[in-house]
């Protein structure tokens, strides 16, 4: 059990001390992962960016993901093979418009850092099934980093096994792997929602520091 995201971030930073000052970037998953990413980036003296992505929902069951999109990349699951290409293209365009708007809101006119030839430390405040994270990792892999590290304070055993068996994830750091897992929030005493305004503020502070 963690007191809050700050305590969780400081523990992760200790586990990640090897990467201090390396050619690495902390990539935080909005919104809950951003306060952790900010603290980790400060402790390790690394730049922080955020990963903007969104799933493509099945046309009949929007909660069922058939793929995921970033501003630069897209991956599709096997389930997408039965979906009309016109729907996938339309959804990709619609999602990218939303992501571009959010990037403008978070970054202003600043361009995110290039991830090529960097060590990527992907941070979230906790991971449940890991499917969204795996989609993000697959898209980040296309940016040609030298190494991908996944860091989260808590995740179930099944998810950790999934990550450790992935050929594109080089290291998994997760201090708390409980036998029973229902939701990320149950492992925090204080799990307040992170606002867009806080994400924007932390990104601005991180960019000044780097």
C-alpha atoms as a PDB file:
ATOM      1  CA  UNK A   1       0.000   0.000   0.000  1.00  0.00           C
ATOM      2  CA  UNK A   2       1.280   3.456  -0.939  1.00  0.00           C
ATOM      3  CA  UNK A   3       0.438   6.671   0.861  1.00  0.00           C
ATOM      4  CA  UNK A   4       0.137   8.550  -2.438  1.00  0.00           C
ATOM      5  CA  UNK A   5       1.688   8.915  -5.898  1.00  0.00           C
ATOM      6  CA  UNK A   6       4.649  10.837  -4.448  1.00  0.00           C
ATOM      7  CA  UNK A   7       5.674   7.945  -2.204  1.00  0.00           C
ATOM      8  CA  UNK A   8       5.261   5.505  -5.098  1.00  0.00           C
ATOM      9  CA  UNK A   9       7.338   7.715  -7.410  1.00  0.00           C
ATOM     10  CA  UNK A  10      10.208   8.037  -4.934  1.00  0.00           C
ATOM     11  CA  UNK A  11      10.362   4.261  -4.546  1.00  0.00           C
ATOM     12  CA  UNK A  12      10.428   3.792  -8.325  1.00  0.00           C
ATOM     13  CA  UNK A  13      13.137   6.439  -8.632  1.00  0.00           C
ATOM     14  CA  UNK A  14      15.326   4.419  -6.239  1.00  0.00           C
ATOM     15  CA  UNK A  15      14.775   1.301  -8.326  1.00  0.00           C
ATOM     16  CA  UNK A  16      15.688   3.266 -11.465  1.00  0.00           C
ATOM     17  CA  UNK A  17      18.837   4.925 -10.068  1.00  0.00           C
ATOM     18  CA  UNK A  18      21.030   3.182 -12.680  1.00  0.00           C
ATOM     19  CA  UNK A  19      19.544   5.458 -15.354  1.00  0.00           C
ATOM     20  CA  UNK A  20      20.395   8.725 -13.613  1.00  0.00           C
ATOM     21  CA  UNK A  21      21.964  11.106 -16.112  1.00  0.00           C
ATOM     22  CA  UNK A  22      21.880   8.514 -18.916  1.00  0.00           C
ATOM     23  CA  UNK A  23      20.691   9.142 -22.474  1.00  0.00           C
ATOM     24  CA  UNK A  24      17.130   8.427 -21.385  1.00  0.00           C
ATOM     25  CA  UNK A  25      13.663   9.969 -21.378  1.00  0.00           C
ATOM     26  CA  UNK A  26      10.924   9.436 -18.800  1.00  0.00           C
ATOM     27  CA  UNK A  27       7.635   8.884 -20.640  1.00  0.00           C
ATOM     28  CA  UNK A  28       4.603   9.351 -18.416  1.00  0.00           C
ATOM     29  CA  UNK A  29       1.156   7.951 -19.244  1.00  0.00           C
ATOM     30  CA  UNK A  30      -1.492  10.679 -18.723  1.00  0.00           C
ATOM     31  CA  UNK A  31      -2.974  11.476 -16.511  1.00  0.00           C
ATOM     32  CA  UNK A  32      -2.159   9.408 -13.423  1.00  0.00           C
ATOM     33  CA  UNK A  33       1.385   8.592 -14.477  1.00  0.00           C
ATOM     34  CA  UNK A  34       2.433  12.217 -14.926  1.00  0.00           C
ATOM     35  CA  UNK A  35       2.999  13.154 -11.235  1.00  0.00           C
ATOM     36  CA  UNK A  36       5.163  10.023 -10.886  1.00  0.00           C
ATOM     37  CA  UNK A  37       7.042  10.714 -14.099  1.00  0.00           C
ATOM     38  CA  UNK A  38       7.742  14.275 -12.991  1.00  0.00           C
ATOM     39  CA  UNK A  39       9.265  13.198  -9.670  1.00  0.00           C
ATOM     40  CA  UNK A  40      11.275  10.391 -11.274  1.00  0.00           C
ATOM     41  CA  UNK A  41      12.631  12.732 -13.946  1.00  0.00           C
ATOM     42  CA  UNK A  42      13.745  15.233 -11.288  1.00  0.00           C
ATOM     43  CA  UNK A  43      15.445  12.600  -9.122  1.00  0.00           C
ATOM     44  CA  UNK A  44      17.197  10.986 -12.104  1.00  0.00           C
ATOM     45  CA  UNK A  45      18.007  14.289 -13.823  1.00  0.00           C
ATOM     46  CA  UNK A  46      16.208  13.224 -17.006  1.00  0.00           C
ATOM     47  CA  UNK A  47      13.758  14.958 -19.351  1.00  0.00           C
ATOM     48  CA  UNK A  48      10.084  14.012 -19.160  1.00  0.00           C
ATOM     49  CA  UNK A  49       7.574  13.689 -21.957  1.00  0.00           C
ATOM     50  CA  UNK A  50       4.092  12.211 -22.070  1.00  0.00           C
ATOM     51  CA  UNK A  51       2.666   9.455 -24.255  1.00  0.00           C
ATOM     52  CA  UNK A  52      -0.519  10.491 -26.001  1.00  0.00           C
ATOM     53  CA  UNK A  53      -2.461   7.499 -27.291  1.00  0.00           C
ATOM     54  CA  UNK A  54      -6.017   6.249 -27.539  1.00  0.00           C
ATOM     55  CA  UNK A  55      -7.579   2.930 -28.391  1.00  0.00           C
ATOM     56  CA  UNK A  56      -9.678   2.264 -31.495  1.00  0.00           C
ATOM     57  CA  UNK A  57     -12.951   0.794 -30.295  1.00  0.00           C
ATOM     58  CA  UNK A  58     -14.872  -1.943 -32.085  1.00  0.00           C
ATOM     59  CA  UNK A  59     -17.768  -0.401 -34.078  1.00  0.00           C
ATOM     60  CA  UNK A  60     -20.330  -2.500 -32.181  1.00  0.00           C
ATOM     61  CA  UNK A  61     -18.604  -2.535 -28.781  1.00  0.00           C
ATOM     62  CA  UNK A  62     -16.639   0.670 -28.251  1.00  0.00           C
ATOM     63  CA  UNK A  63     -15.012  -0.587 -25.043  1.00  0.00           C
ATOM     64  CA  UNK A  64     -13.444  -3.510 -26.917  1.00  0.00           C
ATOM     65  CA  UNK A  65     -10.158  -2.309 -28.417  1.00  0.00           C
ATOM     66  CA  UNK A  66      -9.208  -3.396 -31.924  1.00  0.00           C
ATOM     67  CA  UNK A  67      -6.112  -1.213 -32.019  1.00  0.00           C
ATOM     68  CA  UNK A  68      -4.461   1.929 -30.727  1.00  0.00           C
ATOM     69  CA  UNK A  69      -3.267   5.200 -32.213  1.00  0.00           C
ATOM     70  CA  UNK A  70      -0.670   7.860 -31.465  1.00  0.00           C
ATOM     71  CA  UNK A  71      -0.009  10.956 -33.563  1.00  0.00           C
ATOM     72  CA  UNK A  72       2.675   9.051 -35.476  1.00  0.00           C
ATOM     73  CA  UNK A  73       1.811   5.363 -35.246  1.00  0.00           C
ATOM     74  CA  UNK A  74      -1.027   2.872 -35.266  1.00  0.00           C
ATOM     75  CA  UNK A  75      -1.248  -0.789 -34.351  1.00  0.00           C
ATOM     76  CA  UNK A  76      -4.157  -3.121 -34.994  1.00  0.00           C
ATOM     77  CA  UNK A  77      -5.094  -6.358 -33.258  1.00  0.00           C
ATOM     78  CA  UNK A  78      -6.165  -9.534 -35.045  1.00  0.00           C
ATOM     79  CA  UNK A  79      -9.773  -8.544 -34.351  1.00  0.00           C
ATOM     80  CA  UNK A  80      -9.367  -5.588 -36.719  1.00  0.00           C
ATOM     81  CA  UNK A  81      -9.117  -7.941 -39.718  1.00  0.00           C
ATOM     82  CA  UNK A  82     -12.912  -8.282 -39.764  1.00  0.00           C
ATOM     83  CA  UNK A  83     -13.557  -4.530 -39.505  1.00  0.00           C
ATOM     84  CA  UNK A  84     -14.019  -2.385 -42.649  1.00  0.00           C
ATOM     85  CA  UNK A  85     -10.889  -0.404 -43.505  1.00  0.00           C
ATOM     86  CA  UNK A  86     -13.023   2.714 -43.980  1.00  0.00           C
ATOM     87  CA  UNK A  87     -14.109   2.580 -40.316  1.00  0.00           C
ATOM     88  CA  UNK A  88     -10.532   2.129 -39.103  1.00  0.00           C
ATOM     89  CA  UNK A  89      -9.266   5.038 -41.216  1.00  0.00           C
ATOM     90  CA  UNK A  90     -12.112   7.292 -40.089  1.00  0.00           C
ATOM     91  CA  UNK A  91     -11.540   6.442 -36.417  1.00  0.00           C
ATOM     92  CA  UNK A  92      -7.784   6.921 -36.783  1.00  0.00           C
ATOM     93  CA  UNK A  93      -8.330  10.395 -38.224  1.00  0.00           C
ATOM     94  CA  UNK A  94     -10.863  11.327 -35.548  1.00  0.00           C
ATOM     95  CA  UNK A  95      -8.620  10.111 -32.727  1.00  0.00           C
ATOM     96  CA  UNK A  96      -5.576  11.906 -34.112  1.00  0.00           C
ATOM     97  CA  UNK A  97      -7.518  15.164 -34.222  1.00  0.00           C
ATOM     98  CA  UNK A  98      -8.278  14.735 -30.515  1.00  0.00           C
ATOM     99  CA  UNK A  99      -4.678  13.806 -29.716  1.00  0.00           C
ATOM    100  CA  UNK A 100      -3.350  16.795 -31.664  1.00  0.00           C
ATOM    101  CA  UNK A 101      -5.681  19.074 -29.705  1.00  0.00           C
ATOM    102  CA  UNK A 102      -4.526  17.560 -26.425  1.00  0.00           C
ATOM    103  CA  UNK A 103      -0.871  17.853 -27.423  1.00  0.00           C
ATOM    104  CA  UNK A 104      -1.428  21.533 -28.215  1.00  0.00           C
ATOM    105  CA  UNK A 105      -3.113  21.963 -24.830  1.00  0.00           C
ATOM    106  CA  UNK A 106      -0.280  20.243 -22.965  1.00  0.00           C
ATOM    107  CA  UNK A 107       2.750  21.384 -24.961  1.00  0.00           C
ATOM    108  CA  UNK A 108       1.760  24.685 -26.538  1.00  0.00           C
ATOM    109  CA  UNK A 109       4.160  25.340 -29.416  1.00  0.00           C
ATOM    110  CA  UNK A 110       6.941  23.117 -28.052  1.00  0.00           C
ATOM    111  CA  UNK A 111       7.751  19.963 -29.997  1.00  0.00           C
ATOM    112  CA  UNK A 112       8.188  16.742 -27.971  1.00  0.00           C
ATOM    113  CA  UNK A 113      11.695  15.285 -27.864  1.00  0.00           C
ATOM    114  CA  UNK A 114      12.834  12.725 -30.410  1.00  0.00           C
ATOM    115  CA  UNK A 115      12.863   9.228 -28.900  1.00  0.00           C
ATOM    116  CA  UNK A 116      15.248   7.671 -31.399  1.00  0.00           C
ATOM    117  CA  UNK A 117      18.386   6.131 -29.845  1.00  0.00           C
ATOM    118  CA  UNK A 118      17.117   6.907 -26.329  1.00  0.00           C
ATOM    119  CA  UNK A 119      16.401   4.692 -23.337  1.00  0.00           C
ATOM    120  CA  UNK A 120      12.657   5.004 -22.740  1.00  0.00           C
ATOM    121  CA  UNK A 121      11.374   4.703 -19.166  1.00  0.00           C
ATOM    122  CA  UNK A 122       7.603   4.353 -19.482  1.00  0.00           C
ATOM    123  CA  UNK A 123       5.825   5.225 -16.233  1.00  0.00           C
ATOM    124  CA  UNK A 124       2.260   4.839 -14.995  1.00  0.00           C
ATOM    125  CA  UNK A 125       0.733   4.930 -11.502  1.00  0.00           C
ATOM    126  CA  UNK A 126      -0.329   1.301 -11.813  1.00  0.00           C
ATOM    127  CA  UNK A 127      -1.210  -1.264 -14.457  1.00  0.00           C
ATOM    128  CA  UNK A 128      -4.220  -3.585 -14.591  1.00  0.00           C
ATOM    129  CA  UNK A 129      -4.444  -5.898 -17.632  1.00  0.00           C
ATOM    130  CA  UNK A 130      -1.467  -4.270 -19.346  1.00  0.00           C
ATOM    131  CA  UNK A 131      -3.082  -4.395 -22.784  1.00  0.00           C
ATOM    132  CA  UNK A 132      -3.063  -0.620 -23.224  1.00  0.00           C
ATOM    133  CA  UNK A 133       0.545  -0.415 -22.056  1.00  0.00           C
ATOM    134  CA  UNK A 134       1.581  -3.155 -24.490  1.00  0.00           C
ATOM    135  CA  UNK A 135      -0.057  -1.244 -27.338  1.00  0.00           C
ATOM    136  CA  UNK A 136       1.829   1.889 -26.314  1.00  0.00           C
ATOM    137  CA  UNK A 137       5.112  -0.031 -26.104  1.00  0.00           C
ATOM    138  CA  UNK A 138       4.617  -1.486 -29.580  1.00  0.00           C
ATOM    139  CA  UNK A 139       4.130   2.003 -30.984  1.00  0.00           C
ATOM    140  CA  UNK A 140       7.105   3.407 -29.060  1.00  0.00           C
ATOM    141  CA  UNK A 141       9.266   0.596 -30.426  1.00  0.00           C
ATOM    142  CA  UNK A 142       8.724   2.034 -33.899  1.00  0.00           C
ATOM    143  CA  UNK A 143      10.579   5.168 -32.751  1.00  0.00           C
ATOM    144  CA  UNK A 144      13.787   3.059 -32.627  1.00  0.00           C
ATOM    145  CA  UNK A 145      14.834   3.502 -28.982  1.00  0.00           C
ATOM    146  CA  UNK A 146      17.883   1.679 -27.619  1.00  0.00           C
ATOM    147  CA  UNK A 147      15.961   0.208 -24.679  1.00  0.00           C
ATOM    148  CA  UNK A 148      12.439   0.167 -23.236  1.00  0.00           C
ATOM    149  CA  UNK A 149      11.850   0.021 -19.476  1.00  0.00           C
ATOM    150  CA  UNK A 150       8.360  -0.240 -17.975  1.00  0.00           C
ATOM    151  CA  UNK A 151       8.027   1.133 -14.435  1.00  0.00           C
ATOM    152  CA  UNK A 152       4.886   1.085 -12.297  1.00  0.00           C
ATOM    153  CA  UNK A 153       4.286   0.882  -8.540  1.00  0.00           C
ATOM    154  CA  UNK A 154       1.753  -1.955  -8.754  1.00  0.00           C
ATOM    155  CA  UNK A 155       0.490  -4.583 -11.203  1.00  0.00           C
ATOM    156  CA  UNK A 156      -0.905  -8.132 -10.980  1.00  0.00           C
ATOM    157  CA  UNK A 157       1.237 -11.241 -11.557  1.00  0.00           C
ATOM    158  CA  UNK A 158      -0.409 -12.020 -14.900  1.00  0.00           C
ATOM    159  CA  UNK A 159       0.483  -8.593 -16.280  1.00  0.00           C
ATOM    160  CA  UNK A 160       4.092  -8.768 -15.112  1.00  0.00           C
ATOM    161  CA  UNK A 161       4.469 -12.171 -16.796  1.00  0.00           C
ATOM    162  CA  UNK A 162       3.014 -10.704 -19.989  1.00  0.00           C
ATOM    163  CA  UNK A 163       5.549  -7.858 -19.934  1.00  0.00           C
ATOM    164  CA  UNK A 164       8.503 -10.084 -19.074  1.00  0.00           C
ATOM    165  CA  UNK A 165       7.701 -12.348 -22.020  1.00  0.00           C
ATOM    166  CA  UNK A 166       7.527  -9.432 -24.471  1.00  0.00           C
ATOM    167  CA  UNK A 167      10.512  -9.377 -26.864  1.00  0.00           C
ATOM    168  CA  UNK A 168      10.513  -5.565 -27.017  1.00  0.00           C
ATOM    169  CA  UNK A 169      10.394  -4.765 -23.277  1.00  0.00           C
ATOM    170  CA  UNK A 170      13.922  -4.897 -21.870  1.00  0.00           C
ATOM    171  CA  UNK A 171      13.162  -4.382 -18.174  1.00  0.00           C
ATOM    172  CA  UNK A 172      10.119  -4.339 -15.899  1.00  0.00           C
ATOM    173  CA  UNK A 173      10.237  -2.569 -12.537  1.00  0.00           C
ATOM    174  CA  UNK A 174       7.230  -3.085 -10.278  1.00  0.00           C
ATOM    175  CA  UNK A 175       7.816  -3.141  -6.494  1.00  0.00           C
ATOM    176  CA  UNK A 176       4.325  -4.348  -5.564  1.00  0.00           C
ATOM    177  CA  UNK A 177       2.876  -7.440  -7.253  1.00  0.00           C
ATOM    178  CA  UNK A 178      -0.104  -8.479  -5.090  1.00  0.00           C
ATOM    179  CA  UNK A 179      -1.763 -11.893  -5.116  1.00  0.00           C
ATOM    180  CA  UNK A 180      -5.181 -10.253  -5.260  1.00  0.00           C
ATOM    181  CA  UNK A 181      -5.765  -7.331  -7.639  1.00  0.00           C
ATOM    182  CA  UNK A 182      -9.044  -5.543  -8.365  1.00  0.00           C
ATOM    183  CA  UNK A 183      -8.048  -1.974  -9.274  1.00  0.00           C
ATOM    184  CA  UNK A 184      -4.985   0.279  -9.103  1.00  0.00           C
ATOM    185  CA  UNK A 185      -6.627   2.698  -6.664  1.00  0.00           C
ATOM    186  CA  UNK A 186      -6.984   0.090  -3.915  1.00  0.00           C
ATOM    187  CA  UNK A 187      -3.204   0.181  -3.385  1.00  0.00           C
ATOM    188  CA  UNK A 188      -3.123   3.909  -2.566  1.00  0.00           C
ATOM    189  CA  UNK A 189      -4.398   5.638   0.561  1.00  0.00           C
ATOM    190  CA  UNK A 190      -4.758   8.835  -1.480  1.00  0.00           C
ATOM    191  CA  UNK A 191      -5.616   8.339  -5.155  1.00  0.00           C
ATOM    192  CA  UNK A 192      -7.018  11.718  -6.178  1.00  0.00           C
ATOM    193  CA  UNK A 193      -7.782  12.304  -9.837  1.00  0.00           C
ATOM    194  CA  UNK A 194      -5.071  14.127 -11.787  1.00  0.00           C
ATOM    195  CA  UNK A 195      -6.417  17.065 -13.811  1.00  0.00           C
ATOM    196  CA  UNK A 196      -5.399  18.266 -17.269  1.00  0.00           C
ATOM    197  CA  UNK A 197      -4.243  21.500 -15.642  1.00  0.00           C
ATOM    198  CA  UNK A 198      -1.854  19.584 -13.383  1.00  0.00           C
ATOM    199  CA  UNK A 199      -0.482  17.631 -16.350  1.00  0.00           C
ATOM    200  CA  UNK A 200       0.117  20.890 -18.213  1.00  0.00           C
ATOM    201  CA  UNK A 201       1.820  22.493 -15.204  1.00  0.00           C
ATOM    202  CA  UNK A 202       4.125  19.530 -14.573  1.00  0.00           C
ATOM    203  CA  UNK A 203       5.083  19.324 -18.250  1.00  0.00           C
ATOM    204  CA  UNK A 204       5.977  23.014 -18.265  1.00  0.00           C
ATOM    205  CA  UNK A 205       8.064  22.644 -15.106  1.00  0.00           C
ATOM    206  CA  UNK A 206       9.801  19.569 -16.514  1.00  0.00           C
ATOM    207  CA  UNK A 207      10.663  21.342 -19.777  1.00  0.00           C
ATOM    208  CA  UNK A 208      12.193  24.274 -17.861  1.00  0.00           C
ATOM    209  CA  UNK A 209      14.276  21.910 -15.732  1.00  0.00           C
ATOM    210  CA  UNK A 210      15.636  20.032 -18.747  1.00  0.00           C
END
